[in-house]
N, C-alpha and C. Protein backbone atom coordinates (compact mmCIF):
# COMPACT_ATOMS: atom_id res chain seq x y z
N MET A 1 15.26 5.92 -0.53
CA MET A 1 14.08 6.59 -1.04
C MET A 1 12.84 5.78 -0.66
N SER A 2 11.84 6.43 -0.11
CA SER A 2 10.63 5.73 0.31
C SER A 2 9.73 5.44 -0.89
N GLU A 3 8.95 4.38 -0.76
CA GLU A 3 8.02 4.01 -1.82
C GLU A 3 6.88 5.02 -1.89
N MET A 4 6.50 5.37 -3.10
CA MET A 4 5.38 6.27 -3.33
C MET A 4 4.28 5.50 -4.04
N PHE A 5 3.03 5.69 -3.59
CA PHE A 5 1.87 5.04 -4.19
C PHE A 5 0.99 6.09 -4.85
N ASP A 6 0.35 5.71 -5.96
CA ASP A 6 -0.75 6.50 -6.50
C ASP A 6 -1.94 6.27 -5.58
N ILE A 7 -2.62 7.35 -5.21
CA ILE A 7 -3.78 7.24 -4.32
C ILE A 7 -5.04 7.19 -5.18
N LEU A 8 -5.92 6.28 -4.81
CA LEU A 8 -7.18 6.06 -5.53
C LEU A 8 -8.34 6.46 -4.64
N ASN A 9 -9.50 6.71 -5.27
CA ASN A 9 -10.70 6.91 -4.45
C ASN A 9 -11.31 5.55 -4.14
N GLU A 10 -12.40 5.53 -3.39
CA GLU A 10 -12.95 4.24 -2.97
C GLU A 10 -13.59 3.45 -4.11
N ASN A 11 -13.62 4.03 -5.31
CA ASN A 11 -14.09 3.31 -6.50
C ASN A 11 -12.94 2.80 -7.35
N GLY A 12 -11.71 3.07 -6.91
CA GLY A 12 -10.54 2.59 -7.64
C GLY A 12 -10.02 3.54 -8.69
N ASN A 13 -10.53 4.76 -8.72
CA ASN A 13 -10.09 5.74 -9.71
C ASN A 13 -8.94 6.58 -9.16
N TYR A 14 -7.97 6.83 -10.01
CA TYR A 14 -6.84 7.67 -9.64
C TYR A 14 -7.33 9.10 -9.39
N ILE A 15 -6.88 9.71 -8.29
CA ILE A 15 -7.36 11.06 -7.94
C ILE A 15 -6.24 12.10 -8.03
N ASN A 16 -5.20 11.77 -8.77
CA ASN A 16 -4.09 12.70 -9.02
C ASN A 16 -3.35 13.08 -7.73
N LYS A 17 -3.21 12.10 -6.84
CA LYS A 17 -2.46 12.30 -5.60
C LYS A 17 -1.54 11.11 -5.40
N LYS A 18 -0.44 11.37 -4.71
CA LYS A 18 0.52 10.33 -4.36
C LYS A 18 0.79 10.43 -2.86
N ALA A 19 1.23 9.32 -2.27
CA ALA A 19 1.59 9.32 -0.85
C ALA A 19 2.66 8.27 -0.62
N GLU A 20 3.49 8.52 0.39
CA GLU A 20 4.47 7.52 0.79
C GLU A 20 3.74 6.31 1.35
N ARG A 21 4.37 5.16 1.23
CA ARG A 21 3.80 3.91 1.73
C ARG A 21 3.34 4.04 3.18
N SER A 22 4.20 4.60 4.04
CA SER A 22 3.86 4.70 5.46
C SER A 22 2.63 5.58 5.69
N VAL A 23 2.50 6.64 4.91
CA VAL A 23 1.35 7.54 5.04
C VAL A 23 0.08 6.83 4.57
N ALA A 24 0.18 6.13 3.42
CA ALA A 24 -0.98 5.40 2.90
C ALA A 24 -1.46 4.36 3.89
N HIS A 25 -0.52 3.68 4.55
CA HIS A 25 -0.89 2.63 5.50
C HIS A 25 -1.30 3.17 6.86
N THR A 26 -0.87 4.36 7.22
CA THR A 26 -1.30 4.97 8.48
C THR A 26 -2.69 5.58 8.34
N LYS A 27 -2.94 6.21 7.19
CA LYS A 27 -4.22 6.90 6.98
C LYS A 27 -5.26 6.02 6.29
N GLY A 28 -4.86 4.84 5.84
CA GLY A 28 -5.80 3.97 5.15
C GLY A 28 -6.19 4.48 3.78
N LEU A 29 -5.23 5.09 3.07
CA LEU A 29 -5.51 5.61 1.73
C LEU A 29 -5.57 4.45 0.73
N TRP A 30 -6.50 4.54 -0.20
CA TRP A 30 -6.68 3.49 -1.20
C TRP A 30 -5.55 3.52 -2.22
N HIS A 31 -5.03 2.35 -2.57
CA HIS A 31 -3.94 2.23 -3.54
C HIS A 31 -4.05 0.88 -4.25
N ARG A 32 -3.15 0.62 -5.19
CA ARG A 32 -3.19 -0.60 -6.00
C ARG A 32 -2.13 -1.59 -5.56
N ALA A 33 -2.47 -2.88 -5.63
CA ALA A 33 -1.52 -3.96 -5.36
C ALA A 33 -1.81 -5.09 -6.35
N VAL A 34 -0.86 -6.00 -6.47
CA VAL A 34 -1.04 -7.13 -7.38
C VAL A 34 -0.68 -8.44 -6.69
N VAL A 35 -1.26 -9.50 -7.21
CA VAL A 35 -0.96 -10.86 -6.79
C VAL A 35 -0.67 -11.65 -8.06
N VAL A 36 0.41 -12.43 -8.03
CA VAL A 36 0.77 -13.28 -9.16
C VAL A 36 0.78 -14.73 -8.67
N PHE A 37 0.12 -15.59 -9.43
CA PHE A 37 0.16 -17.02 -9.18
C PHE A 37 0.89 -17.68 -10.34
N ILE A 38 1.91 -18.45 -10.02
CA ILE A 38 2.61 -19.24 -11.03
C ILE A 38 2.05 -20.66 -10.95
N VAL A 39 1.56 -21.14 -12.08
CA VAL A 39 0.97 -22.48 -12.16
C VAL A 39 1.77 -23.26 -13.19
N ASN A 40 2.23 -24.46 -12.80
CA ASN A 40 3.03 -25.26 -13.73
C ASN A 40 2.14 -26.20 -14.55
N SER A 41 2.75 -26.95 -15.47
CA SER A 41 2.00 -27.82 -16.37
C SER A 41 1.37 -29.02 -15.65
N GLN A 42 1.76 -29.25 -14.40
CA GLN A 42 1.14 -30.30 -13.58
C GLN A 42 0.01 -29.72 -12.72
N ASN A 43 -0.37 -28.48 -13.01
CA ASN A 43 -1.43 -27.78 -12.29
C ASN A 43 -1.13 -27.60 -10.81
N GLN A 44 0.13 -27.40 -10.50
CA GLN A 44 0.55 -27.08 -9.15
C GLN A 44 0.78 -25.57 -9.07
N VAL A 45 0.56 -25.02 -7.89
CA VAL A 45 0.70 -23.58 -7.66
C VAL A 45 1.96 -23.33 -6.84
N LEU A 46 2.78 -22.38 -7.30
CA LEU A 46 3.98 -22.00 -6.55
C LEU A 46 3.58 -21.08 -5.41
N LEU A 47 3.97 -21.46 -4.20
CA LEU A 47 3.78 -20.59 -3.04
C LEU A 47 5.15 -20.21 -2.48
N GLN A 48 5.23 -19.03 -1.93
CA GLN A 48 6.46 -18.60 -1.26
C GLN A 48 6.22 -18.55 0.24
N ARG A 49 7.29 -18.77 1.00
CA ARG A 49 7.21 -18.59 2.44
C ARG A 49 7.83 -17.24 2.77
N ARG A 50 7.05 -16.41 3.44
CA ARG A 50 7.49 -15.07 3.78
C ARG A 50 8.58 -15.11 4.84
N SER A 51 9.45 -14.13 4.79
CA SER A 51 10.54 -14.00 5.75
C SER A 51 10.00 -13.78 7.16
N ALA A 52 10.78 -14.17 8.13
CA ALA A 52 10.43 -13.95 9.54
C ALA A 52 10.41 -12.47 9.89
N PHE A 53 11.01 -11.64 9.04
CA PHE A 53 11.13 -10.21 9.31
C PHE A 53 10.00 -9.38 8.71
N LYS A 54 9.06 -10.02 8.00
CA LYS A 54 7.94 -9.29 7.42
C LYS A 54 7.00 -8.84 8.53
N ARG A 55 6.49 -7.62 8.43
CA ARG A 55 5.57 -7.10 9.45
C ARG A 55 4.23 -7.83 9.41
N LYS A 56 3.75 -8.12 8.22
CA LYS A 56 2.50 -8.85 8.07
C LYS A 56 2.81 -10.30 7.73
N TRP A 57 2.23 -11.22 8.47
CA TRP A 57 2.27 -12.66 8.20
C TRP A 57 3.68 -13.25 8.06
N PRO A 58 4.56 -13.02 9.01
CA PRO A 58 5.90 -13.62 8.92
C PRO A 58 5.84 -15.14 8.92
N ASN A 59 6.72 -15.76 8.17
CA ASN A 59 6.89 -17.22 8.07
C ASN A 59 5.69 -17.96 7.49
N MET A 60 4.74 -17.27 6.94
CA MET A 60 3.56 -17.95 6.39
C MET A 60 3.72 -18.17 4.89
N LEU A 61 3.03 -19.20 4.38
CA LEU A 61 3.00 -19.44 2.95
C LEU A 61 2.13 -18.37 2.31
N ASP A 62 2.54 -17.92 1.13
CA ASP A 62 1.88 -16.79 0.48
C ASP A 62 1.75 -17.08 -1.01
N VAL A 63 1.10 -16.17 -1.72
CA VAL A 63 0.98 -16.23 -3.17
C VAL A 63 2.37 -16.30 -3.79
N SER A 64 2.45 -16.65 -5.08
CA SER A 64 3.75 -16.79 -5.74
C SER A 64 4.57 -15.51 -5.63
N ALA A 65 3.95 -14.39 -5.94
CA ALA A 65 4.63 -13.08 -5.85
C ALA A 65 3.54 -12.02 -5.74
N GLY A 66 3.94 -10.85 -5.30
CA GLY A 66 2.97 -9.76 -5.24
C GLY A 66 3.50 -8.59 -4.46
N GLY A 67 2.77 -7.51 -4.55
CA GLY A 67 3.16 -6.31 -3.82
C GLY A 67 2.37 -5.10 -4.28
N HIS A 68 2.72 -3.99 -3.70
CA HIS A 68 2.06 -2.72 -4.01
C HIS A 68 2.62 -2.12 -5.29
N SER A 69 1.74 -1.43 -6.02
CA SER A 69 2.17 -0.72 -7.22
C SER A 69 2.82 0.60 -6.82
N ASN A 70 3.93 0.90 -7.44
CA ASN A 70 4.57 2.19 -7.24
C ASN A 70 3.82 3.26 -8.01
N ALA A 71 3.99 4.50 -7.62
CA ALA A 71 3.36 5.62 -8.32
C ALA A 71 3.74 5.57 -9.80
N GLY A 72 2.75 5.74 -10.66
CA GLY A 72 2.97 5.75 -12.10
C GLY A 72 3.04 4.36 -12.73
N GLU A 73 2.85 3.32 -11.94
CA GLU A 73 3.01 1.96 -12.43
C GLU A 73 1.64 1.31 -12.66
N PHE A 74 1.49 0.67 -13.82
CA PHE A 74 0.29 -0.13 -14.08
C PHE A 74 0.40 -1.44 -13.33
N GLY A 75 -0.73 -2.10 -13.08
CA GLY A 75 -0.73 -3.36 -12.37
C GLY A 75 0.15 -4.42 -13.02
N TYR A 76 0.08 -4.55 -14.34
CA TYR A 76 0.90 -5.57 -15.00
C TYR A 76 2.39 -5.28 -14.83
N GLU A 77 2.76 -4.00 -14.76
CA GLU A 77 4.16 -3.65 -14.54
C GLU A 77 4.60 -4.05 -13.12
N THR A 78 3.69 -3.88 -12.16
CA THR A 78 3.98 -4.32 -10.80
C THR A 78 4.15 -5.83 -10.76
N ALA A 79 3.30 -6.55 -11.46
CA ALA A 79 3.39 -8.01 -11.49
C ALA A 79 4.74 -8.47 -12.05
N ILE A 80 5.18 -7.84 -13.12
CA ILE A 80 6.47 -8.17 -13.73
C ILE A 80 7.61 -7.85 -12.75
N ARG A 81 7.58 -6.67 -12.16
CA ARG A 81 8.63 -6.23 -11.23
C ARG A 81 8.70 -7.12 -10.00
N GLU A 82 7.56 -7.35 -9.37
CA GLU A 82 7.55 -8.13 -8.13
C GLU A 82 7.97 -9.59 -8.35
N THR A 83 7.56 -10.17 -9.47
CA THR A 83 7.96 -11.56 -9.76
C THR A 83 9.47 -11.66 -9.92
N PHE A 84 10.06 -10.66 -10.54
CA PHE A 84 11.52 -10.65 -10.69
C PHE A 84 12.21 -10.37 -9.36
N GLU A 85 11.73 -9.35 -8.65
CA GLU A 85 12.37 -8.98 -7.37
C GLU A 85 12.31 -10.13 -6.35
N GLU A 86 11.15 -10.74 -6.20
CA GLU A 86 10.97 -11.74 -5.15
C GLU A 86 11.50 -13.12 -5.51
N LEU A 87 11.40 -13.49 -6.81
CA LEU A 87 11.73 -14.86 -7.21
C LEU A 87 12.85 -14.95 -8.25
N GLY A 88 13.22 -13.81 -8.85
CA GLY A 88 14.23 -13.83 -9.90
C GLY A 88 13.71 -14.34 -11.23
N ILE A 89 12.39 -14.36 -11.40
CA ILE A 89 11.77 -14.85 -12.64
C ILE A 89 11.38 -13.67 -13.52
N LYS A 90 11.86 -13.68 -14.75
CA LYS A 90 11.49 -12.65 -15.71
C LYS A 90 10.27 -13.11 -16.49
N VAL A 91 9.19 -12.36 -16.36
CA VAL A 91 8.00 -12.63 -17.15
C VAL A 91 7.72 -11.42 -18.03
N GLU A 92 7.05 -11.66 -19.12
CA GLU A 92 6.67 -10.59 -20.05
C GLU A 92 5.18 -10.31 -19.90
N LYS A 93 4.77 -9.15 -20.35
CA LYS A 93 3.36 -8.76 -20.27
C LYS A 93 2.47 -9.82 -20.91
N GLU A 94 2.91 -10.37 -22.04
CA GLU A 94 2.07 -11.35 -22.74
C GLU A 94 1.97 -12.69 -21.99
N ASN A 95 2.82 -12.92 -20.98
CA ASN A 95 2.74 -14.14 -20.16
C ASN A 95 1.70 -14.01 -19.04
N LEU A 96 1.30 -12.78 -18.74
CA LEU A 96 0.39 -12.52 -17.63
C LEU A 96 -1.06 -12.69 -18.07
N ILE A 97 -1.81 -13.47 -17.32
CA ILE A 97 -3.23 -13.64 -17.58
C ILE A 97 -3.97 -12.94 -16.44
N PHE A 98 -4.66 -11.85 -16.76
CA PHE A 98 -5.42 -11.11 -15.76
C PHE A 98 -6.68 -11.90 -15.45
N ILE A 99 -6.92 -12.19 -14.15
CA ILE A 99 -8.09 -13.00 -13.80
C ILE A 99 -9.09 -12.25 -12.91
N GLY A 100 -8.79 -11.01 -12.54
CA GLY A 100 -9.77 -10.26 -11.77
C GLY A 100 -9.15 -9.24 -10.84
N CYS A 101 -10.04 -8.54 -10.12
CA CYS A 101 -9.63 -7.48 -9.21
C CYS A 101 -10.65 -7.43 -8.07
N THR A 102 -10.18 -7.18 -6.88
CA THR A 102 -11.08 -6.99 -5.74
C THR A 102 -10.66 -5.78 -4.93
N LYS A 103 -11.60 -5.29 -4.18
CA LYS A 103 -11.36 -4.19 -3.24
C LYS A 103 -11.19 -4.82 -1.87
N ASN A 104 -10.05 -4.55 -1.22
CA ASN A 104 -9.77 -5.17 0.07
C ASN A 104 -9.37 -4.13 1.10
N ALA A 105 -9.88 -4.29 2.29
CA ALA A 105 -9.50 -3.44 3.43
C ALA A 105 -9.00 -4.38 4.51
N PHE A 106 -7.78 -4.14 4.98
CA PHE A 106 -7.19 -5.02 5.97
C PHE A 106 -6.46 -4.17 7.00
N THR A 107 -6.70 -4.46 8.27
CA THR A 107 -6.00 -3.75 9.34
C THR A 107 -5.30 -4.76 10.22
N GLN A 108 -4.02 -4.52 10.46
CA GLN A 108 -3.24 -5.35 11.38
C GLN A 108 -2.32 -4.41 12.15
N GLY A 109 -2.53 -4.31 13.45
CA GLY A 109 -1.73 -3.39 14.24
C GLY A 109 -1.95 -1.97 13.75
N ASP A 110 -0.85 -1.28 13.42
CA ASP A 110 -0.96 0.10 12.96
C ASP A 110 -1.01 0.21 11.43
N ILE A 111 -1.15 -0.91 10.73
CA ILE A 111 -1.22 -0.91 9.27
C ILE A 111 -2.69 -0.97 8.84
N ILE A 112 -3.11 0.04 8.09
CA ILE A 112 -4.44 0.07 7.49
C ILE A 112 -4.22 -0.03 5.98
N ASP A 113 -4.39 -1.23 5.45
CA ASP A 113 -4.05 -1.50 4.06
C ASP A 113 -5.32 -1.57 3.22
N ASN A 114 -5.72 -0.43 2.66
CA ASN A 114 -6.89 -0.35 1.79
C ASN A 114 -6.40 -0.36 0.34
N MET A 115 -6.75 -1.43 -0.37
CA MET A 115 -6.18 -1.56 -1.71
C MET A 115 -7.12 -2.25 -2.67
N PHE A 116 -6.85 -2.01 -3.93
CA PHE A 116 -7.48 -2.72 -5.02
C PHE A 116 -6.44 -3.72 -5.52
N ASN A 117 -6.74 -5.01 -5.36
CA ASN A 117 -5.82 -6.07 -5.76
C ASN A 117 -6.15 -6.55 -7.16
N GLU A 118 -5.14 -6.59 -8.02
CA GLU A 118 -5.28 -7.19 -9.34
C GLU A 118 -4.64 -8.57 -9.27
N TYR A 119 -5.30 -9.56 -9.88
CA TYR A 119 -4.82 -10.94 -9.83
C TYR A 119 -4.39 -11.40 -11.21
N TYR A 120 -3.22 -12.05 -11.24
CA TYR A 120 -2.64 -12.56 -12.48
C TYR A 120 -2.19 -14.00 -12.31
N VAL A 121 -2.25 -14.76 -13.41
CA VAL A 121 -1.70 -16.11 -13.46
C VAL A 121 -0.63 -16.13 -14.53
N VAL A 122 0.46 -16.85 -14.24
CA VAL A 122 1.53 -17.11 -15.22
C VAL A 122 1.68 -18.62 -15.28
N ASN A 123 1.57 -19.18 -16.48
CA ASN A 123 1.80 -20.62 -16.66
C ASN A 123 3.27 -20.81 -16.95
N LEU A 124 3.96 -21.53 -16.05
CA LEU A 124 5.41 -21.63 -16.16
C LEU A 124 5.92 -22.85 -15.42
N ASP A 125 6.78 -23.60 -16.09
CA ASP A 125 7.47 -24.72 -15.44
C ASP A 125 8.84 -24.25 -14.99
N ILE A 126 9.07 -24.28 -13.71
CA ILE A 126 10.34 -23.87 -13.12
C ILE A 126 10.70 -24.83 -12.00
N GLU A 127 11.95 -24.79 -11.59
CA GLU A 127 12.42 -25.57 -10.45
C GLU A 127 12.60 -24.61 -9.28
N PRO A 128 11.77 -24.73 -8.24
CA PRO A 128 11.85 -23.80 -7.11
C PRO A 128 13.24 -23.69 -6.48
N LEU A 129 14.00 -24.78 -6.46
CA LEU A 129 15.33 -24.74 -5.85
C LEU A 129 16.31 -23.87 -6.64
N ASN A 130 15.99 -23.58 -7.91
CA ASN A 130 16.87 -22.76 -8.74
C ASN A 130 16.51 -21.28 -8.75
N LEU A 131 15.50 -20.90 -7.98
CA LEU A 131 15.06 -19.51 -7.98
C LEU A 131 16.04 -18.64 -7.19
N ASN A 132 16.11 -17.40 -7.59
CA ASN A 132 16.93 -16.40 -6.90
C ASN A 132 16.00 -15.60 -5.97
N LEU A 133 15.79 -16.12 -4.76
CA LEU A 133 14.84 -15.53 -3.84
C LEU A 133 15.36 -14.23 -3.21
N GLN A 134 14.48 -13.27 -3.03
CA GLN A 134 14.81 -12.02 -2.35
C GLN A 134 14.82 -12.32 -0.85
N LYS A 135 15.98 -12.52 -0.29
CA LYS A 135 16.14 -13.03 1.08
C LYS A 135 15.42 -12.19 2.14
N GLU A 136 15.31 -10.89 1.95
CA GLU A 136 14.63 -10.04 2.93
C GLU A 136 13.14 -10.33 2.99
N GLU A 137 12.60 -10.90 1.91
CA GLU A 137 11.16 -11.10 1.82
C GLU A 137 10.73 -12.55 1.76
N VAL A 138 11.54 -13.39 1.10
CA VAL A 138 11.14 -14.77 0.80
C VAL A 138 12.21 -15.73 1.28
N ILE A 139 11.80 -16.76 2.05
CA ILE A 139 12.80 -17.73 2.52
C ILE A 139 12.67 -19.09 1.85
N GLU A 140 11.56 -19.30 1.12
CA GLU A 140 11.34 -20.59 0.47
C GLU A 140 10.29 -20.42 -0.61
N ALA A 141 10.38 -21.24 -1.64
CA ALA A 141 9.32 -21.33 -2.65
C ALA A 141 9.12 -22.80 -2.96
N LYS A 142 7.85 -23.19 -3.07
CA LYS A 142 7.56 -24.60 -3.36
C LYS A 142 6.21 -24.71 -4.07
N PHE A 143 6.09 -25.77 -4.87
CA PHE A 143 4.82 -26.03 -5.52
C PHE A 143 3.94 -26.87 -4.61
N VAL A 144 2.64 -26.57 -4.64
CA VAL A 144 1.64 -27.37 -3.94
C VAL A 144 0.56 -27.77 -4.94
N THR A 145 -0.07 -28.89 -4.69
CA THR A 145 -1.18 -29.30 -5.55
C THR A 145 -2.40 -28.46 -5.22
N LEU A 146 -3.37 -28.49 -6.11
CA LEU A 146 -4.61 -27.76 -5.85
C LEU A 146 -5.32 -28.33 -4.62
N ASN A 147 -5.25 -29.64 -4.45
CA ASN A 147 -5.87 -30.24 -3.26
C ASN A 147 -5.19 -29.77 -1.98
N GLU A 148 -3.86 -29.66 -2.00
CA GLU A 148 -3.14 -29.15 -0.82
C GLU A 148 -3.54 -27.71 -0.53
N LEU A 149 -3.65 -26.90 -1.58
CA LEU A 149 -4.05 -25.50 -1.41
C LEU A 149 -5.46 -25.42 -0.83
N LYS A 150 -6.38 -26.20 -1.38
CA LYS A 150 -7.76 -26.20 -0.89
C LYS A 150 -7.81 -26.64 0.58
N LEU A 151 -7.02 -27.63 0.94
CA LEU A 151 -6.99 -28.10 2.32
C LEU A 151 -6.51 -26.99 3.27
N MET A 152 -5.45 -26.26 2.86
CA MET A 152 -4.96 -25.16 3.69
C MET A 152 -6.04 -24.09 3.87
N MET A 153 -6.81 -23.84 2.80
CA MET A 153 -7.90 -22.87 2.88
C MET A 153 -8.99 -23.38 3.83
N GLU A 154 -9.36 -24.65 3.69
CA GLU A 154 -10.41 -25.23 4.52
C GLU A 154 -10.01 -25.30 5.99
N GLU A 155 -8.71 -25.41 6.26
CA GLU A 155 -8.23 -25.48 7.65
C GLU A 155 -8.11 -24.09 8.28
N GLY A 156 -8.66 -23.10 7.64
CA GLY A 156 -8.70 -21.76 8.22
C GLY A 156 -7.45 -20.94 8.03
N TYR A 157 -6.70 -21.22 6.98
CA TYR A 157 -5.53 -20.42 6.63
C TYR A 157 -4.49 -20.39 7.75
N LYS A 158 -4.32 -21.50 8.46
CA LYS A 158 -3.33 -21.54 9.54
C LYS A 158 -1.91 -21.39 9.02
N GLN A 159 -1.59 -22.00 7.87
CA GLN A 159 -0.26 -21.92 7.28
C GLN A 159 -0.17 -20.86 6.19
N LEU A 160 -1.32 -20.41 5.72
CA LEU A 160 -1.45 -19.60 4.52
C LEU A 160 -1.85 -18.18 4.87
N THR A 161 -1.27 -17.20 4.17
CA THR A 161 -1.71 -15.81 4.38
C THR A 161 -3.21 -15.72 4.10
N PRO A 162 -3.94 -14.91 4.84
CA PRO A 162 -5.40 -14.86 4.68
C PRO A 162 -5.85 -13.99 3.50
N LYS A 163 -5.28 -14.26 2.35
CA LYS A 163 -5.65 -13.54 1.13
C LYS A 163 -6.76 -14.33 0.43
N ILE A 164 -7.88 -14.41 1.13
CA ILE A 164 -8.98 -15.29 0.75
C ILE A 164 -9.44 -15.04 -0.68
N GLU A 165 -9.68 -13.79 -1.03
CA GLU A 165 -10.17 -13.47 -2.38
C GLU A 165 -9.18 -13.90 -3.45
N ALA A 166 -7.89 -13.74 -3.19
CA ALA A 166 -6.87 -14.10 -4.17
C ALA A 166 -6.93 -15.60 -4.48
N TYR A 167 -6.95 -16.40 -3.43
CA TYR A 167 -6.99 -17.85 -3.64
C TYR A 167 -8.30 -18.28 -4.29
N GLU A 168 -9.40 -17.64 -3.91
CA GLU A 168 -10.69 -17.96 -4.51
C GLU A 168 -10.71 -17.61 -6.00
N PHE A 169 -10.14 -16.47 -6.36
CA PHE A 169 -10.06 -16.09 -7.77
C PHE A 169 -9.24 -17.12 -8.55
N LEU A 170 -8.14 -17.56 -7.97
CA LEU A 170 -7.31 -18.56 -8.63
C LEU A 170 -8.10 -19.85 -8.86
N LEU A 171 -8.76 -20.34 -7.82
CA LEU A 171 -9.52 -21.58 -7.95
C LEU A 171 -10.64 -21.46 -8.97
N LYS A 172 -11.34 -20.32 -8.99
CA LYS A 172 -12.40 -20.10 -9.99
C LYS A 172 -11.82 -20.11 -11.40
N TYR A 173 -10.70 -19.43 -11.57
CA TYR A 173 -10.05 -19.39 -12.88
C TYR A 173 -9.66 -20.79 -13.34
N LEU A 174 -9.03 -21.55 -12.45
CA LEU A 174 -8.59 -22.90 -12.81
C LEU A 174 -9.78 -23.81 -13.10
N GLN A 175 -10.84 -23.69 -12.31
CA GLN A 175 -12.03 -24.50 -12.54
C GLN A 175 -12.69 -24.13 -13.86
N LYS A 176 -12.79 -22.85 -14.14
CA LYS A 176 -13.40 -22.38 -15.39
C LYS A 176 -12.63 -22.89 -16.61
N ASN A 177 -11.33 -23.03 -16.44
CA ASN A 177 -10.49 -23.50 -17.55
C ASN A 177 -10.18 -24.99 -17.47
N ASN A 178 -10.97 -25.70 -16.66
CA ASN A 178 -10.85 -27.16 -16.53
C ASN A 178 -9.46 -27.61 -16.13
N ILE A 179 -8.86 -26.88 -15.22
CA ILE A 179 -7.52 -27.24 -14.75
C ILE A 179 -7.63 -27.89 -13.39
């Protein structure tokens, strides 16, 4: 069964339409996606390494978890689902800290990914080696310090997926909360 997305207008409002993932990405239809950052008590951020088989950004370090919202799904539900699917971590709605949303348009090859990204933080101490990674999507998960993350950003995202707004939202949130 193909993934179905709720289609939004350019202001982020639901317009009572749905489309398959491939149609949304071919036509550049607006839809919702989420990003989850897991931050441990040592103020390190969990990053995942994307599979070599991913169409976008294979083998690159990425946010802790994330993905597109399915039709009928709220952003927080996507955050819970994607964190479990990709990392095997069960989080509850009350564990999610909403830190913002941006409108993003990204084109790579034949993919036109127009989306509203919701950003969440989960404070959680876990051991990356014990995670149940979704092998089709994730080949590694590891914690990095904030300085390491900032350095990867400053070096032009060579190792890191170019989700600039997501990482900036995380850093603003952590700075605002004196982390």
